[in-house]
Amino acid sequence: MSRLAEFLSEVPLFRGLTREQLERVLETMEERNFDPGEVIIREGEPGDVLYVLVEGKVEVSKTLLLRVTRYDYDEREKTLSHMEAKDRAFFGEMALFGEEPRSATVTALTPCKLLALDRRAFERLGDEDPEMGYKILRNIAGVLCERLRKANQDVLKLTTALSIALQGT
């Protein structure tokens, strides 16, 4: 098994795939490199590519609308998280399932090497090997459920904090 296929075997997205399936996935992926400060994915823009971080570190951020004066608002970027290759990170998976705009911005913090899998290649892989497609879909669903649970917890915390703040006014 190639070094990159072995790396992919450790990425949660590809858990449970055989060597042959990992090699087939790798054949459909394109290597892309980004310099520090370069935007990989921009919130609000269309996208159809999932990325696997092979080398480097990225920052995930969202745009917030903040009040700067009584009548003036400004948009600011809020860092949500950092991802590193050593964590077998991937992002952009929602772009494989629809035409919705990107939900966050991902920026390279260090020189980054990524593997890109576009929607058409992803669909072709599933059509050619339904068992592999099922495994990848199951893995994506698990990750999305985990992220949704965390988002729900965050919303609950924010709602509680807002409720407490409003009671004090």
Foldseek 3Di string as FASTA:
>chain_A
DDPVLVLLCPALLQPPDDSVLSVLQQVQWDKDKDAAFAWPAAFPAWFFKKKWWQAAKKWKWAWDWADPDPPDIDIDIDTDDMDGNVNRDMDDVVSLPDGGGDHIIMGTRHITMIIMHGNVNLVVSCVVPVVSNVSSVVSVVVVVVVVVVVVVVVVVVVVVVVVVVVVVD
